């Protein structure tokens, strides 16, 4: 390659440099690096969002599902007893005497 100040047929004193290859040439974060990769940036946004959704949506949903199989009452200190699907059957059974009162309590 000819430099701007070289005579025709001569090359400039600067030659193309090759990058070293091997384990020491792995990208580093620092002033000369190109920055985090696309995967690192993606994970920077996805991981906290996933943790937020699990903590504030999935965990309470599963916790309340567990409570639906017991006779838990927050107003008393009595221990909760496992009642299986009895709570679900009471709510979903239209001929149960308390079904209308339960629906009025939970429906707006």
Protein backbone atom coordinates (compact mmCIF):
# COMPACT_ATOMS: atom_id res chain seq x y z
CA UNK A 1 0.00 0.00 0.00
CA UNK A 2 1.40 3.37 -0.91
CA UNK A 3 1.47 6.16 1.61
CA UNK A 4 0.65 9.74 0.64
CA UNK A 5 4.30 10.83 0.74
CA UNK A 6 5.86 7.72 -0.86
CA UNK A 7 7.30 7.48 -4.28
CA UNK A 8 5.46 5.24 -6.73
CA UNK A 9 6.21 1.59 -6.08
CA UNK A 10 7.27 2.14 -2.46
CA UNK A 11 5.20 1.39 0.59
CA UNK A 12 4.86 3.52 3.67
CA UNK A 13 6.69 2.69 6.86
CA UNK A 14 3.46 1.74 8.62
CA UNK A 15 2.44 -1.83 8.06
CA UNK A 16 -0.87 -3.47 8.83
CA UNK A 17 -0.97 -4.87 12.32
CA UNK A 18 -2.53 -8.20 13.14
CA UNK A 19 -4.44 -8.83 16.32
CA UNK A 20 -3.14 -11.54 18.63
CA UNK A 21 -5.23 -14.65 18.84
CA UNK A 22 -5.64 -16.97 21.78
CA UNK A 23 -7.05 -16.84 25.31
CA UNK A 24 -5.34 -13.55 26.15
CA UNK A 25 -7.17 -11.76 23.33
CA UNK A 26 -10.62 -12.19 24.94
CA UNK A 27 -12.62 -8.95 25.06
CA UNK A 28 -12.25 -7.00 28.27
CA UNK A 29 -14.28 -4.15 29.65
CA UNK A 30 -12.15 -1.06 29.89
CA UNK A 31 -11.26 2.10 28.06
CA UNK A 32 -10.16 0.26 24.90
CA UNK A 33 -12.95 -2.33 24.76
CA UNK A 34 -16.05 -2.11 22.62
CA UNK A 35 -18.43 -2.44 25.55
CA UNK A 36 -20.79 -5.18 26.65
CA UNK A 37 -22.17 -7.56 24.08
CA UNK A 38 -25.77 -7.68 22.93
CA UNK A 39 -26.38 -10.74 25.09
CA UNK A 40 -25.02 -8.97 28.19
CA UNK A 41 -27.26 -5.96 27.54
CA UNK A 42 -30.25 -8.24 26.94
CA UNK A 43 -29.60 -10.07 30.20
CA UNK A 44 -29.17 -6.76 32.02
CA UNK A 45 -32.82 -5.99 31.26
CA UNK A 46 -34.41 -9.44 31.21
CA UNK A 47 -33.03 -10.88 34.46
CA UNK A 48 -34.25 -8.08 36.80
CA UNK A 49 -37.63 -8.03 35.06
CA UNK A 50 -37.99 -11.78 35.43
CA UNK A 51 -37.06 -11.59 39.12
CA UNK A 52 -39.59 -8.76 39.62
CA UNK A 53 -42.37 -10.76 37.95
CA UNK A 54 -41.61 -13.89 39.98
CA UNK A 55 -41.48 -12.02 43.29
CA UNK A 56 -44.53 -9.79 42.80
CA UNK A 57 -46.78 -11.92 40.55
CA UNK A 58 -45.98 -15.62 40.54
CA UNK A 59 -45.08 -16.06 44.23
CA UNK A 60 -48.30 -14.41 45.58
CA UNK A 61 -50.38 -16.36 43.06
CA UNK A 62 -48.94 -19.69 44.21
CA UNK A 63 -49.13 -18.63 47.88
CA UNK A 64 -52.83 -17.78 47.58
CA UNK A 65 -53.44 -21.02 45.69
CA UNK A 66 -51.96 -22.83 48.70
CA UNK A 67 -54.29 -20.89 51.00
CA UNK A 68 -57.30 -21.96 48.93
CA UNK A 69 -56.76 -25.56 50.08
CA UNK A 70 -56.95 -24.57 53.78
CA UNK A 71 -59.46 -22.93 56.10
CA UNK A 72 -57.08 -20.05 56.88
CA UNK A 73 -58.57 -16.93 58.48
CA UNK A 74 -56.38 -13.88 58.94
CA UNK A 75 -58.64 -12.52 61.73
CA UNK A 76 -57.86 -15.37 64.14
CA UNK A 77 -54.73 -17.00 65.48
CA UNK A 78 -56.14 -20.48 64.90
CA UNK A 79 -53.96 -22.82 62.87
CA UNK A 80 -55.12 -23.46 59.34
CA UNK A 81 -56.34 -26.93 58.45
CA UNK A 82 -55.98 -28.64 55.08
CA UNK A 83 -59.50 -28.98 53.59
CA UNK A 84 -58.56 -30.17 50.07
CA UNK A 85 -60.98 -28.95 47.38
CA UNK A 86 -63.87 -28.18 49.74
CA UNK A 87 -63.44 -24.40 49.34
CA UNK A 88 -63.51 -24.66 45.55
CA UNK A 89 -66.60 -26.89 45.60
CA UNK A 90 -68.47 -24.43 47.85
CA UNK A 91 -67.71 -21.47 45.59
CA UNK A 92 -68.45 -23.27 42.33
CA UNK A 93 -71.58 -25.14 43.49
CA UNK A 94 -74.59 -23.00 42.51
CA UNK A 95 -77.03 -24.78 44.85
CA UNK A 96 -74.93 -24.31 47.99
CA UNK A 97 -76.74 -22.06 50.49
CA UNK A 98 -73.73 -19.76 50.96
CA UNK A 99 -72.83 -19.50 47.26
CA UNK A 100 -74.81 -16.29 46.63
CA UNK A 101 -73.33 -14.57 49.69
CA UNK A 102 -69.82 -15.61 48.66
CA UNK A 103 -70.28 -14.24 45.16
CA UNK A 104 -71.68 -10.94 46.47
CA UNK A 105 -68.59 -10.60 48.66
CA UNK A 106 -66.07 -11.20 45.89
CA UNK A 107 -67.80 -9.66 42.86
CA UNK A 108 -67.89 -5.89 42.43
